N, C-alpha and C. Protein backbone atom coordinates (compact mmCIF):
# COMPACT_ATOMS: atom_id res chain seq x y z
N MET A 1 -14.86 -120.75 36.07
CA MET A 1 -14.31 -122.02 35.69
C MET A 1 -13.72 -122.68 36.93
N TRP A 2 -14.01 -123.94 37.11
CA TRP A 2 -13.44 -124.69 38.22
C TRP A 2 -12.09 -125.24 37.81
N ARG A 3 -11.10 -125.08 38.67
CA ARG A 3 -9.75 -125.59 38.42
C ARG A 3 -9.49 -126.76 39.36
N GLY A 4 -8.91 -127.82 38.83
CA GLY A 4 -8.61 -129.00 39.63
C GLY A 4 -9.70 -130.05 39.50
N ASP A 5 -9.37 -131.24 39.90
CA ASP A 5 -10.28 -132.38 39.86
C ASP A 5 -11.26 -132.27 41.03
N ARG A 6 -12.48 -132.76 40.86
CA ARG A 6 -13.50 -132.71 41.92
C ARG A 6 -13.03 -133.34 43.23
N THR A 7 -12.12 -134.30 43.15
CA THR A 7 -11.62 -134.96 44.36
C THR A 7 -10.38 -134.27 44.93
N ASP A 8 -9.90 -133.25 44.26
CA ASP A 8 -8.68 -132.55 44.65
C ASP A 8 -9.01 -131.50 45.72
N GLU A 9 -8.33 -131.54 46.87
CA GLU A 9 -8.59 -130.58 47.95
C GLU A 9 -8.23 -129.15 47.55
N SER A 10 -7.36 -129.00 46.56
CA SER A 10 -6.96 -127.65 46.15
C SER A 10 -7.83 -127.13 45.00
N ARG A 11 -8.93 -127.79 44.72
CA ARG A 11 -9.86 -127.35 43.67
C ARG A 11 -10.42 -125.98 44.03
N TYR A 12 -10.53 -125.11 43.04
CA TYR A 12 -11.05 -123.77 43.30
C TYR A 12 -11.76 -123.22 42.08
N ALA A 13 -12.62 -122.25 42.33
CA ALA A 13 -13.32 -121.55 41.25
C ALA A 13 -12.44 -120.38 40.81
N ASP A 14 -12.16 -120.33 39.54
CA ASP A 14 -11.32 -119.27 38.98
C ASP A 14 -12.22 -118.26 38.28
N ILE A 15 -12.43 -117.11 38.93
CA ILE A 15 -13.31 -116.10 38.34
C ILE A 15 -12.53 -115.02 37.60
N THR A 16 -11.23 -115.21 37.43
CA THR A 16 -10.42 -114.17 36.78
C THR A 16 -10.84 -113.94 35.33
N GLY A 17 -11.46 -114.90 34.70
CA GLY A 17 -11.94 -114.71 33.34
C GLY A 17 -13.03 -113.66 33.23
N TRP A 18 -13.70 -113.38 34.35
CA TRP A 18 -14.75 -112.36 34.34
C TRP A 18 -14.19 -110.99 33.98
N TRP A 19 -12.95 -110.72 34.34
CA TRP A 19 -12.38 -109.39 34.10
C TRP A 19 -12.11 -109.17 32.61
N ARG A 20 -12.00 -110.25 31.83
CA ARG A 20 -11.67 -110.15 30.41
C ARG A 20 -12.87 -109.70 29.57
N ASP A 21 -14.08 -109.95 30.06
CA ASP A 21 -15.30 -109.61 29.34
C ASP A 21 -15.68 -108.17 29.68
N ALA A 22 -15.46 -107.25 28.75
CA ALA A 22 -15.69 -105.82 29.00
C ALA A 22 -17.13 -105.53 29.39
N GLU A 23 -18.08 -106.19 28.76
CA GLU A 23 -19.48 -105.94 29.10
C GLU A 23 -19.78 -106.37 30.53
N LEU A 24 -19.32 -107.56 30.91
CA LEU A 24 -19.52 -108.05 32.27
C LEU A 24 -18.81 -107.15 33.28
N LEU A 25 -17.58 -106.76 32.97
CA LEU A 25 -16.82 -105.89 33.86
C LEU A 25 -17.57 -104.57 34.10
N GLY A 26 -18.18 -104.04 33.05
CA GLY A 26 -18.94 -102.80 33.17
C GLY A 26 -20.20 -102.94 34.01
N LEU A 27 -20.71 -104.15 34.14
CA LEU A 27 -21.92 -104.39 34.92
C LEU A 27 -21.64 -104.66 36.40
N LEU A 28 -20.40 -105.05 36.74
CA LEU A 28 -20.11 -105.46 38.11
C LEU A 28 -20.28 -104.33 39.13
N GLY A 29 -19.76 -103.15 38.84
CA GLY A 29 -19.88 -102.02 39.77
C GLY A 29 -21.33 -101.68 40.08
N PRO A 30 -22.14 -101.43 39.05
CA PRO A 30 -23.56 -101.14 39.32
C PRO A 30 -24.29 -102.29 40.01
N ALA A 31 -23.96 -103.53 39.65
CA ALA A 31 -24.65 -104.67 40.27
C ALA A 31 -24.31 -104.78 41.76
N LEU A 32 -23.04 -104.64 42.11
CA LEU A 32 -22.65 -104.71 43.52
C LEU A 32 -23.22 -103.52 44.30
N ALA A 33 -23.16 -102.34 43.72
CA ALA A 33 -23.73 -101.16 44.38
C ALA A 33 -25.24 -101.32 44.57
N GLY A 34 -25.89 -101.95 43.59
CA GLY A 34 -27.33 -102.16 43.65
C GLY A 34 -27.77 -103.06 44.80
N LEU A 35 -26.85 -103.87 45.31
CA LEU A 35 -27.18 -104.71 46.47
C LEU A 35 -27.50 -103.86 47.70
N PHE A 36 -27.02 -102.61 47.68
CA PHE A 36 -27.23 -101.69 48.80
C PHE A 36 -27.89 -100.40 48.32
N ALA A 37 -28.83 -100.53 47.41
CA ALA A 37 -29.53 -99.37 46.86
C ALA A 37 -30.15 -98.55 48.00
N GLY A 38 -29.95 -97.26 47.95
CA GLY A 38 -30.51 -96.36 48.96
C GLY A 38 -29.69 -96.24 50.23
N ALA A 39 -28.61 -97.00 50.37
CA ALA A 39 -27.81 -96.98 51.61
C ALA A 39 -26.88 -95.77 51.69
N GLU A 40 -26.57 -95.17 50.58
CA GLU A 40 -25.76 -93.95 50.49
C GLU A 40 -24.42 -94.02 51.23
N PRO A 41 -23.56 -94.98 50.88
CA PRO A 41 -22.22 -94.99 51.48
C PRO A 41 -21.44 -93.76 51.03
N THR A 42 -20.48 -93.35 51.85
CA THR A 42 -19.63 -92.22 51.49
C THR A 42 -18.24 -92.68 51.04
N VAL A 43 -17.93 -93.96 51.25
CA VAL A 43 -16.65 -94.50 50.83
C VAL A 43 -16.80 -96.03 50.67
N VAL A 44 -16.01 -96.57 49.74
CA VAL A 44 -15.98 -98.02 49.52
C VAL A 44 -14.60 -98.52 49.92
N LEU A 45 -14.56 -99.62 50.67
CA LEU A 45 -13.30 -100.29 51.04
C LEU A 45 -13.22 -101.62 50.31
N GLY A 46 -12.01 -102.00 49.91
CA GLY A 46 -11.81 -103.29 49.28
C GLY A 46 -10.45 -103.84 49.62
N PRO A 47 -10.38 -105.09 50.10
CA PRO A 47 -9.09 -105.69 50.43
C PRO A 47 -8.33 -106.13 49.19
N ASP A 48 -6.97 -106.08 49.32
CA ASP A 48 -6.12 -106.68 48.28
C ASP A 48 -6.63 -108.07 47.99
N SER A 49 -6.61 -108.64 46.91
CA SER A 49 -6.27 -108.03 45.67
C SER A 49 -7.53 -107.77 44.84
N ARG A 50 -8.45 -108.68 44.90
CA ARG A 50 -9.62 -108.49 44.03
C ARG A 50 -10.62 -107.48 44.57
N GLY A 51 -10.63 -107.25 45.88
CA GLY A 51 -11.45 -106.17 46.41
C GLY A 51 -10.96 -104.82 45.91
N SER A 52 -9.65 -104.76 45.62
CA SER A 52 -9.06 -103.55 45.04
C SER A 52 -9.35 -103.44 43.55
N LEU A 53 -9.85 -104.50 42.98
CA LEU A 53 -10.26 -104.47 41.57
C LEU A 53 -11.74 -104.10 41.45
N VAL A 54 -12.61 -104.80 42.18
CA VAL A 54 -14.05 -104.53 42.04
C VAL A 54 -14.50 -103.33 42.87
N GLY A 55 -13.79 -103.03 43.96
CA GLY A 55 -14.17 -101.89 44.80
C GLY A 55 -14.21 -100.57 44.05
N PRO A 56 -13.17 -100.23 43.27
CA PRO A 56 -13.23 -98.98 42.52
C PRO A 56 -14.37 -98.93 41.50
N LEU A 57 -14.77 -100.09 40.96
CA LEU A 57 -15.91 -100.10 40.04
C LEU A 57 -17.19 -99.68 40.77
N VAL A 58 -17.33 -100.15 42.01
CA VAL A 58 -18.50 -99.80 42.82
C VAL A 58 -18.42 -98.32 43.22
N ALA A 59 -17.25 -97.89 43.68
CA ALA A 59 -17.07 -96.49 44.09
C ALA A 59 -17.35 -95.53 42.94
N LEU A 60 -16.84 -95.87 41.77
CA LEU A 60 -17.07 -95.03 40.59
C LEU A 60 -18.55 -94.92 40.28
N HIS A 61 -19.26 -96.04 40.34
CA HIS A 61 -20.69 -96.03 40.08
C HIS A 61 -21.44 -95.17 41.12
N LEU A 62 -21.01 -95.25 42.38
CA LEU A 62 -21.68 -94.50 43.45
C LEU A 62 -21.24 -93.04 43.52
N GLY A 63 -20.14 -92.70 42.84
CA GLY A 63 -19.63 -91.33 42.91
C GLY A 63 -18.96 -91.01 44.23
N VAL A 64 -18.32 -92.04 44.84
CA VAL A 64 -17.62 -91.85 46.11
C VAL A 64 -16.18 -92.35 45.96
N GLY A 65 -15.37 -92.13 46.98
CA GLY A 65 -13.99 -92.56 46.94
C GLY A 65 -13.81 -94.02 47.32
N PHE A 66 -12.58 -94.49 47.12
CA PHE A 66 -12.22 -95.87 47.40
C PHE A 66 -10.99 -95.91 48.29
N VAL A 67 -10.99 -96.85 49.25
CA VAL A 67 -9.84 -97.07 50.13
C VAL A 67 -9.41 -98.52 50.01
N GLU A 68 -8.13 -98.71 49.69
CA GLU A 68 -7.57 -100.05 49.60
C GLU A 68 -7.22 -100.56 51.00
N VAL A 69 -7.65 -101.78 51.30
CA VAL A 69 -7.26 -102.44 52.54
C VAL A 69 -6.09 -103.35 52.18
N ARG A 70 -4.92 -103.04 52.71
CA ARG A 70 -3.72 -103.79 52.37
C ARG A 70 -3.60 -105.05 53.20
N LYS A 71 -3.02 -106.08 52.59
CA LYS A 71 -2.79 -107.37 53.26
C LYS A 71 -1.30 -107.59 53.42
N ASP A 72 -0.89 -107.83 54.65
CA ASP A 72 0.49 -108.22 54.94
C ASP A 72 1.53 -107.35 54.24
N ARG A 73 1.25 -106.05 54.18
CA ARG A 73 2.22 -105.14 53.59
C ARG A 73 2.50 -104.03 54.59
N ALA A 74 3.73 -103.63 54.63
CA ALA A 74 4.11 -102.54 55.52
C ALA A 74 3.44 -101.25 55.04
N PRO A 75 2.96 -100.44 55.95
CA PRO A 75 2.39 -99.17 55.54
C PRO A 75 3.46 -98.29 54.90
N ALA A 76 3.02 -97.37 54.08
CA ALA A 76 3.95 -96.50 53.38
C ALA A 76 4.51 -95.41 54.29
N GLY A 77 3.96 -95.25 55.47
CA GLY A 77 4.42 -94.21 56.38
C GLY A 77 4.44 -94.70 57.81
N ASP A 78 4.36 -93.78 58.73
CA ASP A 78 4.37 -94.09 60.16
C ASP A 78 3.21 -95.02 60.52
N SER A 79 3.52 -96.13 61.20
CA SER A 79 2.49 -97.12 61.53
C SER A 79 1.42 -96.57 62.47
N ASP A 80 1.71 -95.49 63.19
CA ASP A 80 0.70 -94.88 64.06
C ASP A 80 -0.42 -94.25 63.25
N GLN A 81 -0.19 -94.03 61.96
CA GLN A 81 -1.19 -93.41 61.11
C GLN A 81 -2.02 -94.44 60.36
N TRP A 82 -1.90 -95.71 60.76
CA TRP A 82 -2.62 -96.80 60.12
C TRP A 82 -3.50 -97.52 61.12
N ILE A 83 -4.63 -98.00 60.66
CA ILE A 83 -5.45 -98.92 61.44
C ILE A 83 -5.11 -100.29 60.92
N ARG A 84 -4.64 -101.17 61.82
CA ARG A 84 -4.19 -102.50 61.42
C ARG A 84 -4.77 -103.54 62.36
N ARG A 85 -5.15 -104.67 61.79
CA ARG A 85 -5.67 -105.79 62.58
C ARG A 85 -5.25 -107.10 61.92
N THR A 86 -5.16 -108.14 62.74
CA THR A 86 -4.85 -109.48 62.25
C THR A 86 -6.14 -110.27 62.17
N THR A 87 -6.31 -110.98 61.08
CA THR A 87 -7.54 -111.76 60.86
C THR A 87 -7.53 -113.06 61.66
N PRO A 88 -8.72 -113.58 61.94
CA PRO A 88 -8.79 -114.98 62.39
C PRO A 88 -8.34 -115.86 61.21
N PRO A 89 -8.20 -117.17 61.40
CA PRO A 89 -7.76 -118.04 60.30
C PRO A 89 -8.69 -117.92 59.09
N ASP A 90 -8.08 -117.84 57.90
CA ASP A 90 -8.88 -117.78 56.68
C ASP A 90 -9.04 -119.18 56.09
N TYR A 91 -9.50 -119.25 54.85
CA TYR A 91 -9.76 -120.55 54.23
C TYR A 91 -8.51 -121.40 54.05
N ARG A 92 -7.34 -120.78 54.12
CA ARG A 92 -6.07 -121.52 54.05
C ARG A 92 -5.41 -121.63 55.42
N ASP A 93 -6.16 -121.31 56.48
CA ASP A 93 -5.69 -121.34 57.85
C ASP A 93 -4.57 -120.33 58.11
N ARG A 94 -4.58 -119.23 57.37
CA ARG A 94 -3.58 -118.17 57.53
C ARG A 94 -4.17 -117.05 58.39
N HIS A 95 -3.31 -116.36 59.08
CA HIS A 95 -3.66 -115.12 59.78
C HIS A 95 -3.00 -114.00 59.00
N LEU A 96 -3.80 -113.10 58.45
CA LEU A 96 -3.28 -112.01 57.65
C LEU A 96 -3.38 -110.71 58.43
N GLU A 97 -2.45 -109.82 58.19
CA GLU A 97 -2.56 -108.49 58.78
C GLU A 97 -3.15 -107.56 57.72
N LEU A 98 -4.27 -106.94 58.07
CA LEU A 98 -4.95 -105.99 57.19
C LEU A 98 -4.74 -104.59 57.73
N GLY A 99 -4.72 -103.61 56.84
CA GLY A 99 -4.57 -102.24 57.29
C GLY A 99 -4.95 -101.22 56.24
N PHE A 100 -5.33 -100.04 56.72
CA PHE A 100 -5.55 -98.89 55.84
C PHE A 100 -5.14 -97.63 56.59
N ARG A 101 -4.86 -96.59 55.82
CA ARG A 101 -4.46 -95.32 56.44
C ARG A 101 -5.62 -94.76 57.26
N ARG A 102 -5.32 -94.39 58.48
CA ARG A 102 -6.31 -93.90 59.43
C ARG A 102 -7.09 -92.69 58.90
N ASP A 103 -6.42 -91.79 58.20
CA ASP A 103 -7.08 -90.56 57.75
C ASP A 103 -8.03 -90.77 56.56
N LEU A 104 -8.05 -91.96 55.98
CA LEU A 104 -8.90 -92.20 54.82
C LEU A 104 -10.30 -92.67 55.18
N VAL A 105 -10.51 -93.10 56.41
CA VAL A 105 -11.83 -93.49 56.90
C VAL A 105 -12.12 -92.66 58.13
N ARG A 106 -13.12 -91.80 58.01
CA ARG A 106 -13.43 -90.81 59.05
C ARG A 106 -14.69 -91.20 59.82
N PRO A 107 -14.84 -90.68 61.04
CA PRO A 107 -16.03 -91.01 61.83
C PRO A 107 -17.36 -90.70 61.14
N ALA A 108 -17.40 -89.70 60.29
CA ALA A 108 -18.65 -89.35 59.60
C ALA A 108 -18.94 -90.26 58.41
N ASP A 109 -18.00 -91.12 58.04
CA ASP A 109 -18.18 -91.97 56.87
C ASP A 109 -19.19 -93.09 57.10
N ARG A 110 -19.81 -93.46 56.00
CA ARG A 110 -20.68 -94.65 55.92
C ARG A 110 -19.98 -95.58 54.94
N VAL A 111 -19.47 -96.71 55.44
CA VAL A 111 -18.57 -97.56 54.68
C VAL A 111 -19.27 -98.79 54.10
N LEU A 112 -19.06 -98.98 52.80
CA LEU A 112 -19.47 -100.20 52.12
C LEU A 112 -18.20 -100.95 51.76
N ALA A 113 -18.05 -102.17 52.23
CA ALA A 113 -16.90 -103.00 51.89
C ALA A 113 -17.27 -103.91 50.73
N VAL A 114 -16.29 -104.18 49.87
CA VAL A 114 -16.53 -104.95 48.65
C VAL A 114 -15.39 -105.93 48.42
N ASP A 115 -15.72 -107.15 48.01
CA ASP A 115 -14.70 -108.12 47.62
C ASP A 115 -15.32 -109.09 46.62
N ASP A 116 -14.47 -109.93 46.04
CA ASP A 116 -14.98 -110.86 45.04
C ASP A 116 -15.61 -112.10 45.67
N TRP A 117 -15.09 -112.53 46.84
CA TRP A 117 -15.48 -113.83 47.38
C TRP A 117 -15.42 -113.75 48.91
N VAL A 118 -16.42 -114.25 49.58
CA VAL A 118 -16.39 -114.37 51.04
C VAL A 118 -16.55 -115.86 51.36
N ASP A 119 -15.51 -116.42 51.99
CA ASP A 119 -15.50 -117.85 52.29
C ASP A 119 -15.70 -118.09 53.78
N THR A 120 -14.69 -117.80 54.59
CA THR A 120 -14.81 -117.97 56.04
C THR A 120 -15.33 -116.71 56.72
N GLY A 121 -15.20 -115.59 56.05
CA GLY A 121 -15.61 -114.31 56.63
C GLY A 121 -14.53 -113.67 57.48
N SER A 122 -13.35 -114.27 57.56
CA SER A 122 -12.30 -113.75 58.44
C SER A 122 -11.86 -112.35 58.03
N GLN A 123 -11.66 -112.13 56.74
CA GLN A 123 -11.25 -110.80 56.30
C GLN A 123 -12.39 -109.81 56.44
N ALA A 124 -13.60 -110.23 56.11
CA ALA A 124 -14.75 -109.34 56.24
C ALA A 124 -14.96 -108.91 57.69
N ARG A 125 -14.84 -109.86 58.63
CA ARG A 125 -14.98 -109.51 60.06
C ARG A 125 -13.90 -108.52 60.48
N THR A 126 -12.70 -108.73 59.98
CA THR A 126 -11.59 -107.86 60.37
C THR A 126 -11.78 -106.47 59.78
N VAL A 127 -12.21 -106.38 58.54
CA VAL A 127 -12.49 -105.07 57.94
C VAL A 127 -13.58 -104.37 58.74
N ARG A 128 -14.61 -105.08 59.11
CA ARG A 128 -15.69 -104.49 59.92
C ARG A 128 -15.14 -103.96 61.25
N ALA A 129 -14.28 -104.72 61.92
CA ALA A 129 -13.69 -104.28 63.19
C ALA A 129 -12.83 -103.03 62.98
N MET A 130 -12.14 -102.96 61.87
CA MET A 130 -11.30 -101.79 61.58
C MET A 130 -12.17 -100.55 61.34
N VAL A 131 -13.26 -100.73 60.62
CA VAL A 131 -14.18 -99.62 60.37
C VAL A 131 -14.80 -99.15 61.69
N ASP A 132 -15.22 -100.09 62.52
CA ASP A 132 -15.76 -99.75 63.84
C ASP A 132 -14.70 -99.01 64.65
N GLY A 133 -13.44 -99.48 64.58
CA GLY A 133 -12.34 -98.83 65.31
C GLY A 133 -12.07 -97.42 64.84
N ALA A 134 -12.37 -97.14 63.59
CA ALA A 134 -12.21 -95.79 63.06
C ALA A 134 -13.38 -94.89 63.45
N GLY A 135 -14.41 -95.48 64.04
CA GLY A 135 -15.59 -94.70 64.44
C GLY A 135 -16.56 -94.44 63.31
N ALA A 136 -16.36 -95.09 62.16
CA ALA A 136 -17.22 -94.88 61.00
C ALA A 136 -18.43 -95.81 61.06
N GLY A 137 -19.43 -95.51 60.26
CA GLY A 137 -20.63 -96.34 60.19
C GLY A 137 -20.46 -97.45 59.17
N TRP A 138 -21.03 -98.60 59.46
CA TRP A 138 -20.95 -99.77 58.59
C TRP A 138 -22.22 -99.89 57.78
N VAL A 139 -22.11 -99.86 56.46
CA VAL A 139 -23.27 -100.06 55.58
C VAL A 139 -23.49 -101.55 55.34
N GLY A 140 -22.40 -102.26 55.03
CA GLY A 140 -22.49 -103.69 54.77
C GLY A 140 -21.33 -104.16 53.93
N PHE A 141 -21.42 -105.40 53.50
CA PHE A 141 -20.35 -106.02 52.71
C PHE A 141 -20.97 -106.62 51.45
N ALA A 142 -20.52 -106.17 50.28
CA ALA A 142 -21.01 -106.66 49.00
C ALA A 142 -19.95 -107.58 48.39
N SER A 143 -20.37 -108.73 47.92
CA SER A 143 -19.42 -109.64 47.27
C SER A 143 -20.03 -110.23 46.01
N LEU A 144 -19.13 -110.66 45.14
CA LEU A 144 -19.58 -111.36 43.95
C LEU A 144 -20.12 -112.73 44.33
N VAL A 145 -19.36 -113.45 45.20
CA VAL A 145 -19.74 -114.81 45.57
C VAL A 145 -19.76 -114.94 47.09
N ASP A 146 -20.84 -115.50 47.61
CA ASP A 146 -20.99 -115.79 49.03
C ASP A 146 -20.82 -117.30 49.22
N ALA A 147 -19.73 -117.67 49.91
CA ALA A 147 -19.49 -119.08 50.22
C ALA A 147 -19.52 -119.34 51.72
N LEU A 148 -20.10 -118.40 52.48
CA LEU A 148 -20.19 -118.55 53.93
C LEU A 148 -21.11 -119.70 54.33
N ASP A 149 -20.74 -120.38 55.39
CA ASP A 149 -21.60 -121.41 55.97
C ASP A 149 -22.39 -120.87 57.16
N ASP A 150 -21.95 -119.75 57.71
CA ASP A 150 -22.49 -119.23 58.96
C ASP A 150 -23.51 -118.11 58.68
N ALA A 151 -24.80 -118.43 58.81
CA ALA A 151 -25.86 -117.45 58.54
C ALA A 151 -25.81 -116.28 59.52
N ARG A 152 -25.43 -116.55 60.77
CA ARG A 152 -25.33 -115.47 61.76
C ARG A 152 -24.26 -114.46 61.35
N LEU A 153 -23.12 -114.94 60.90
CA LEU A 153 -22.05 -114.06 60.45
C LEU A 153 -22.50 -113.26 59.23
N ARG A 154 -23.24 -113.90 58.34
CA ARG A 154 -23.77 -113.20 57.16
C ARG A 154 -24.64 -112.01 57.61
N ARG A 155 -25.48 -112.23 58.60
CA ARG A 155 -26.33 -111.15 59.12
C ARG A 155 -25.50 -110.08 59.81
N ASP A 156 -24.53 -110.50 60.66
CA ASP A 156 -23.70 -109.54 61.39
C ASP A 156 -22.91 -108.63 60.44
N LEU A 157 -22.47 -109.19 59.33
CA LEU A 157 -21.70 -108.40 58.36
C LEU A 157 -22.59 -107.60 57.43
N GLY A 158 -23.87 -107.93 57.38
CA GLY A 158 -24.75 -107.31 56.39
C GLY A 158 -24.31 -107.73 55.00
N LEU A 159 -23.91 -108.99 54.85
CA LEU A 159 -23.38 -109.50 53.59
C LEU A 159 -24.49 -109.72 52.58
N ARG A 160 -24.28 -109.16 51.41
CA ARG A 160 -25.16 -109.39 50.26
C ARG A 160 -24.26 -109.73 49.08
N SER A 161 -24.70 -110.66 48.27
CA SER A 161 -23.86 -111.10 47.15
C SER A 161 -24.67 -111.26 45.88
N LEU A 162 -23.94 -111.25 44.77
CA LEU A 162 -24.58 -111.47 43.48
C LEU A 162 -24.84 -112.96 43.25
N LEU A 163 -23.95 -113.81 43.76
CA LEU A 163 -24.07 -115.25 43.59
C LEU A 163 -23.77 -115.96 44.91
N HIS A 164 -24.33 -117.12 45.07
CA HIS A 164 -23.97 -117.99 46.18
C HIS A 164 -23.13 -119.12 45.59
N LEU A 165 -22.27 -119.70 46.41
CA LEU A 165 -21.40 -120.77 45.96
C LEU A 165 -22.17 -121.86 45.21
N ARG A 166 -23.35 -122.20 45.69
CA ARG A 166 -24.14 -123.27 45.06
C ARG A 166 -24.58 -122.89 43.64
N ASP A 167 -24.54 -121.58 43.30
CA ASP A 167 -24.91 -121.13 41.97
C ASP A 167 -23.83 -121.40 40.92
N LEU A 168 -22.62 -121.68 41.39
CA LEU A 168 -21.51 -121.87 40.46
C LEU A 168 -21.37 -123.32 40.03
């Protein structure tokens, strides 16, 4: 559902209603995982907040673990045990600090990142840099909606989505 008037700069697509439909919710994990059929990730990463919602659905379907990528939150322990990076400007021109516990992503891992929406790619690029910094392998980035304008960035991230912005 689109919120706001077509001429309103703060107009946005509200996909939160998707979570209310149990049948649709049950299909999201397999559908996102299917974008990378045969890739055999060993862990799924998802940024706060909706990546932490759809990521576990994908991980559960794949039979692998899930790692939450926190946004602008202090780590629960010693900061030396966290991989943290600041994003380039996002769609609201914010710089966010992302992080996950260092011991949860290992060099032998093959990482699939998942989120609901990719707009500027700032968070996706930062997650990719964090995975690279951990020495793990990058499988790609699965999203419900791809709103990227930059085809090169889409290729660099290995971004695959269920829908493109123009489909909504």
